[in-house]
Amino acid sequence: MRKLSLGYSPCPNDTFIFYALMHNKVSCADIEFIEQLEDVETLNQLALQSQLDLTKISYHAFGHLRENYVLLRSGGALGRGCGPLVIAARETSMEKLRGKKIAIPGQLTTANLLLQLYSEGYENLLILPFDQIMAAIKQGRVDAGVIIHESRFTYQQHGLTQVLDLGEWWEKESGYPIPLGGILAKRSLGTELIQQIDTALCQSIKYAYAHPEEPQNYIKQHAQELDDDVINNHIELYVNDFSLDLGDEGIQAVTCLLSRAEKRGIIPASKLPLFAE
């Protein structure tokens, strides 16, 4: 049996998506998947080093990975009303934050890409694990932070305030849903195997939808927030029809994001196809 390394985050949307695949509820071409759960920026960096056969990544990182990896149509996080938020300890504006220190959850996160695409002047950055950003704001180590994952459901409980919803800005600016993260496979795996894996991943999501109670222990084993409402809200927000299949609108959204990043010189240009062909 062939073994392939598979990286994804410990966040509820990913553990929900990959539960069935990792617990032999669906099968895939005599493949044994060896899981590696890491925060998204760690996964981005591991992919840059070509250390993972398959992995969840930020779409920002994908812009730097197209030589060695292709995108899968299933398993990603793309949608509306789910983008990263710029938050601060008190009311302020994006204009006032120019030049100020802003915490981000990783250099190659889509959160940072959206911040840079929003406008220039936001280069004074402190990179922190996503679950440490709110504390850094409260401690006064940074003037603001860009939050993702469970933090967008809990920041108000910590007395913090929203400055800008970067996802909402993107949707109005582009007309597309926001591509946050996708699943990549090494091009060297070959088209046939990649497509089989893509099909199995779609089946894994369908299994989780059909048996929603079954993945709960696995999800809670890895979640940062154990509150059932937070976990359920997280899954409902980040797992949707685009997770089953990007579809035409999802592909257009990804293409638009990468194109704008290329034009700004944030990622290198590439003429390679997004998917295995």
Protein backbone atom coordinates (compact mmCIF):
# COMPACT_ATOMS: atom_id res chain seq x y z
CA MET A 1 0.00 0.00 0.00
CA ARG A 2 1.37 3.40 -0.99
CA LYS A 3 1.80 5.97 1.78
CA LEU A 4 1.22 9.68 1.17
CA SER A 5 1.73 12.52 3.62
CA LEU A 6 -1.31 14.71 4.14
CA GLY A 7 -1.20 18.03 5.99
CA TYR A 8 -4.17 19.95 7.32
CA SER A 9 -5.00 22.22 10.23
CA PRO A 10 -6.52 21.22 13.59
CA CYS A 11 -9.40 23.64 12.98
CA PRO A 12 -12.94 22.19 13.00
CA ASN A 13 -13.57 22.72 9.30
CA ASP A 14 -10.51 20.65 8.34
CA THR A 15 -11.01 17.87 10.89
CA PHE A 16 -14.66 17.67 9.78
CA ILE A 17 -13.60 17.42 6.12
CA PHE A 18 -10.82 14.86 6.59
CA TYR A 19 -12.39 12.72 9.32
CA ALA A 20 -13.86 10.04 7.04
CA LEU A 21 -10.75 9.87 4.85
CA MET A 22 -8.47 9.43 7.87
CA HIS A 23 -10.73 6.92 9.65
CA ASN A 24 -11.23 4.57 6.70
CA LYS A 25 -14.85 5.52 6.14
CA VAL A 26 -14.00 6.10 2.48
CA SER A 27 -11.26 4.39 0.50
CA CYS A 28 -8.85 5.69 -2.10
CA ALA A 29 -6.84 3.55 -4.51
CA ASP A 30 -4.86 1.55 -1.92
CA ILE A 31 -3.46 4.73 -0.41
CA GLU A 32 -2.60 5.11 3.25
CA PHE A 33 -2.67 8.76 4.27
CA ILE A 34 -0.24 9.83 6.97
CA GLU A 35 -1.75 12.88 8.64
CA GLN A 36 0.21 15.87 9.87
CA LEU A 37 -1.84 18.51 11.69
CA GLU A 38 -0.25 21.96 11.79
CA ASP A 39 -1.37 25.58 11.75
CA VAL A 40 -1.86 26.89 8.23
CA GLU A 41 1.35 28.93 8.06
CA THR A 42 3.42 25.89 9.08
CA LEU A 43 1.70 23.95 6.29
CA ASN A 44 2.50 26.76 3.86
CA GLN A 45 6.18 26.58 4.78
CA LEU A 46 6.28 22.77 4.60
CA ALA A 47 4.78 22.93 1.11
CA LEU A 48 7.39 25.48 0.05
CA GLN A 49 9.95 22.83 1.01
CA SER A 50 7.95 20.17 -0.93
CA GLN A 51 7.73 18.08 2.24
CA LEU A 52 4.06 17.10 1.90
CA ASP A 53 2.42 15.05 -0.86
CA LEU A 54 -0.96 16.62 -0.16
CA THR A 55 -1.73 19.62 2.00
CA LYS A 56 -4.13 22.36 2.98
CA ILE A 57 -2.59 25.75 2.17
CA SER A 58 -3.47 29.41 2.01
CA TYR A 59 -4.27 30.62 -1.49
CA HIS A 60 -1.54 33.23 -0.97
CA ALA A 61 0.94 30.38 -0.56
CA PHE A 62 -0.45 28.61 -3.63
CA GLY A 63 0.75 31.57 -5.67
CA HIS A 64 4.31 30.52 -4.76
CA LEU A 65 3.71 26.77 -5.17
CA ARG A 66 2.35 26.35 -8.68
CA GLU A 67 5.53 24.85 -10.11
CA ASN A 68 5.29 21.77 -7.88
CA TYR A 69 1.63 21.52 -6.82
CA VAL A 70 -1.83 21.51 -8.37
CA LEU A 71 -5.13 22.45 -6.78
CA LEU A 72 -7.82 19.94 -5.87
CA ARG A 73 -11.45 20.83 -6.54
CA SER A 74 -12.62 19.55 -3.14
CA GLY A 75 -11.75 20.22 0.48
CA GLY A 76 -11.03 23.93 0.44
CA ALA A 77 -12.39 26.96 2.27
CA LEU A 78 -14.01 29.49 -0.02
CA GLY A 79 -17.19 31.42 0.50
CA ARG A 80 -18.95 34.62 1.48
CA GLY A 81 -19.03 36.23 4.89
CA CYS A 82 -16.05 34.19 6.05
CA GLY A 83 -13.05 36.44 5.46
CA PRO A 84 -10.40 37.54 7.95
CA LEU A 85 -11.11 40.52 10.20
CA VAL A 86 -8.86 43.43 11.15
CA ILE A 87 -9.48 44.08 14.85
CA ALA A 88 -8.09 46.45 17.47
CA ALA A 89 -8.41 47.22 21.17
CA ARG A 90 -10.42 50.38 20.47
CA GLU A 91 -12.21 52.03 17.58
CA THR A 92 -9.89 53.21 14.82
CA SER A 93 -9.70 53.22 11.02
CA MET A 94 -7.58 51.55 8.37
CA GLU A 95 -6.18 54.95 7.43
CA LYS A 96 -4.95 55.49 11.00
CA LEU A 97 -3.37 52.03 10.99
CA ARG A 98 -1.04 52.79 8.07
CA GLY A 99 2.51 52.27 9.28
CA LYS A 100 1.33 50.87 12.61
CA LYS A 101 2.31 47.42 13.84
CA ILE A 102 -0.23 44.78 12.80
CA ALA A 103 -0.19 41.12 13.83
CA ILE A 104 -0.88 38.57 11.10
CA PRO A 105 -1.22 34.78 11.29
CA GLY A 106 1.56 34.18 8.74
CA GLN A 107 3.44 35.85 5.91
CA LEU A 108 1.86 33.57 3.29
CA THR A 109 -1.66 33.51 4.68
CA THR A 110 -4.53 34.77 2.57
CA ALA A 111 -5.26 37.08 5.51
CA ASN A 112 -1.99 38.90 4.84
CA LEU A 113 -2.53 38.82 1.08
CA LEU A 114 -5.90 40.55 1.47
CA LEU A 115 -4.35 43.12 3.81
CA GLN A 116 -1.69 43.94 1.21
CA LEU A 117 -4.21 44.00 -1.66
CA TYR A 118 -6.44 46.37 0.33
CA SER A 119 -3.85 49.12 0.08
CA GLU A 120 -0.20 49.98 0.64
CA GLY A 121 1.22 51.03 3.99
CA TYR A 122 0.57 47.88 5.98
CA GLU A 123 4.05 46.36 5.92
CA ASN A 124 4.90 46.77 9.63
CA LEU A 125 3.94 43.24 10.59
CA LEU A 126 4.33 40.89 13.52
CA ILE A 127 3.84 37.23 12.61
CA LEU A 128 2.16 35.18 15.33
CA PRO A 129 0.23 31.91 15.56
CA PHE A 130 -3.41 32.78 14.88
CA ASP A 131 -4.50 31.93 18.42
CA GLN A 132 -2.01 34.41 19.95
CA ILE A 133 -3.08 37.51 18.01
CA MET A 134 -5.91 38.65 20.29
CA ALA A 135 -3.64 38.44 23.35
CA ALA A 136 -0.98 40.51 21.57
CA ILE A 137 -3.56 43.23 20.88
CA LYS A 138 -4.79 43.27 24.48
CA GLN A 139 -1.19 43.42 25.76
CA GLY A 140 -0.45 46.42 23.53
CA ARG A 141 2.28 44.59 21.60
CA VAL A 142 0.56 45.53 18.33
CA ASP A 143 -1.86 48.25 17.25
CA ALA A 144 -4.17 45.82 15.45
CA GLY A 145 -4.35 42.24 14.21
CA VAL A 146 -5.80 40.17 11.40
CA ILE A 147 -7.76 37.25 12.82
CA ILE A 148 -8.97 34.01 11.25
CA HIS A 149 -10.58 30.71 12.27
CA GLU A 150 -12.35 30.53 15.64
CA SER A 151 -11.11 33.99 16.66
CA ARG A 152 -13.68 35.71 14.47
CA PHE A 153 -16.40 34.20 16.69
CA THR A 154 -14.83 35.12 20.03
CA TYR A 155 -12.99 38.46 19.66
CA GLN A 156 -15.90 40.49 21.08
CA GLN A 157 -15.81 38.40 24.25
CA HIS A 158 -12.27 39.72 24.73
CA GLY A 159 -13.38 43.36 24.47
CA LEU A 160 -11.91 43.87 21.00
CA THR A 161 -13.50 45.74 18.12
CA GLN A 162 -13.65 45.22 14.35
CA VAL A 163 -11.92 47.74 12.11
CA LEU A 164 -12.50 46.06 8.73
CA ASP A 165 -13.91 42.81 7.39
CA LEU A 166 -11.36 42.00 4.68
CA GLY A 167 -13.60 39.31 3.20
CA GLU A 168 -16.50 41.75 2.85
CA TRP A 169 -14.12 44.27 1.24
CA TRP A 170 -12.93 41.62 -1.22
CA GLU A 171 -16.47 40.57 -2.13
CA LYS A 172 -17.47 44.17 -2.90
CA GLU A 173 -14.21 44.91 -4.71
CA SER A 174 -14.12 41.77 -6.87
CA GLY A 175 -17.69 40.49 -6.96
CA TYR A 176 -16.42 37.03 -6.03
CA PRO A 177 -16.48 34.91 -2.87
CA ILE A 178 -13.21 34.91 -0.94
CA PRO A 179 -10.74 32.05 -1.53
CA LEU A 180 -9.13 31.36 1.84
CA GLY A 181 -7.46 27.96 1.62
CA GLY A 182 -7.30 25.05 -0.78
CA ILE A 183 -5.97 21.50 -0.94
CA LEU A 184 -2.89 20.86 -3.06
CA ALA A 185 -1.34 17.71 -4.49
CA LYS A 186 2.16 17.31 -5.88
CA ARG A 187 2.11 17.41 -9.67
CA SER A 188 4.46 14.40 -9.62
CA LEU A 189 1.65 12.17 -8.28
CA GLY A 190 0.14 12.13 -11.77
CA THR A 191 -3.27 13.11 -13.05
CA GLU A 192 -5.04 9.77 -12.50
CA LEU A 193 -4.06 9.42 -8.83
CA ILE A 194 -4.73 13.10 -8.09
CA GLN A 195 -8.23 12.81 -9.50
CA GLN A 196 -8.89 9.66 -7.44
CA ILE A 197 -7.78 11.50 -4.30
CA ASP A 198 -9.99 14.45 -5.20
CA THR A 199 -12.99 12.13 -5.55
CA ALA A 200 -12.24 10.46 -2.21
CA LEU A 201 -11.98 13.84 -0.49
CA CYS A 202 -15.38 14.86 -1.83
CA GLN A 203 -16.79 11.57 -0.51
CA SER A 204 -15.19 12.27 2.87
CA ILE A 205 -17.08 15.57 3.13
CA LYS A 206 -20.35 13.93 2.09
CA TYR A 207 -19.84 11.25 4.75
CA ALA A 208 -19.33 13.89 7.45
CA TYR A 209 -22.49 15.67 6.36
CA ALA A 210 -24.42 12.38 6.45
CA HIS A 211 -23.05 11.44 9.91
CA PRO A 212 -22.52 14.80 11.67
CA GLU A 213 -22.19 13.35 15.18
CA GLU A 214 -19.51 10.85 14.25
CA PRO A 215 -16.57 13.26 13.73
CA GLN A 216 -17.30 15.25 16.93
CA ASN A 217 -14.75 13.57 19.20
CA TYR A 218 -12.04 13.90 16.56
CA ILE A 219 -12.91 17.57 16.03
CA LYS A 220 -12.86 18.36 19.76
CA GLN A 221 -9.60 16.48 20.20
CA HIS A 222 -7.88 19.15 18.10
CA ALA A 223 -10.04 22.29 18.39
CA GLN A 224 -8.78 25.48 20.07
CA GLU A 225 -12.31 26.32 21.24
CA LEU A 226 -14.38 23.47 22.69
CA ASP A 227 -17.71 25.27 22.85
CA ASP A 228 -20.21 23.36 20.69
CA ASP A 229 -21.72 26.54 19.24
CA VAL A 230 -18.30 27.89 18.22
CA ILE A 231 -17.37 24.57 16.60
CA ASN A 232 -20.67 24.28 14.75
CA ASN A 233 -20.55 27.91 13.59
CA HIS A 234 -16.99 27.35 12.38
CA ILE A 235 -17.96 24.32 10.30
CA GLU A 236 -21.10 25.97 8.91
CA LEU A 237 -19.11 29.02 7.83
CA TYR A 238 -16.09 27.35 6.26
CA VAL A 239 -17.53 24.09 4.88
CA ASN A 240 -20.03 24.64 2.07
CA ASP A 241 -20.82 23.74 -1.53
CA PHE A 242 -17.46 25.16 -2.62
CA SER A 243 -15.80 22.62 -0.31
CA LEU A 244 -17.44 19.80 -2.27
CA ASP A 245 -16.43 21.30 -5.61
CA LEU A 246 -15.03 24.73 -6.43
CA GLY A 247 -17.22 24.97 -9.52
CA ASP A 248 -16.95 27.75 -12.09
CA GLU A 249 -17.51 30.59 -9.64
CA GLY A 250 -14.92 29.25 -7.22
CA ILE A 251 -12.34 28.82 -9.98
CA GLN A 252 -13.00 32.37 -11.19
CA ALA A 253 -12.55 33.67 -7.63
CA VAL A 254 -9.20 31.88 -7.26
CA THR A 255 -8.03 33.09 -10.68
CA CYS A 256 -9.00 36.67 -9.84
CA LEU A 257 -7.17 36.61 -6.49
CA LEU A 258 -3.98 35.18 -7.99
CA SER A 259 -4.13 37.60 -10.93
CA ARG A 260 -4.40 40.63 -8.65
CA ALA A 261 -1.55 39.34 -6.50
CA GLU A 262 0.59 38.87 -9.62
CA LYS A 263 -0.13 42.42 -10.80
CA ARG A 264 0.96 43.80 -7.43
CA GLY A 265 4.15 41.72 -7.57
CA ILE A 266 3.18 39.83 -4.43
CA ILE A 267 3.43 36.40 -6.09
CA PRO A 268 5.36 35.26 -9.20
CA ALA A 269 3.49 34.96 -12.48
CA SER A 270 2.71 31.44 -13.74
CA LYS A 271 1.15 30.02 -16.90
CA LEU A 272 0.77 26.51 -15.46
CA PRO A 273 -2.79 25.13 -15.13
CA LEU A 274 -4.39 25.22 -11.68
CA PHE A 275 -5.50 21.58 -11.87
CA ALA A 276 -4.01 18.26 -12.95
CA GLU A 277 -4.60 17.73 -16.68
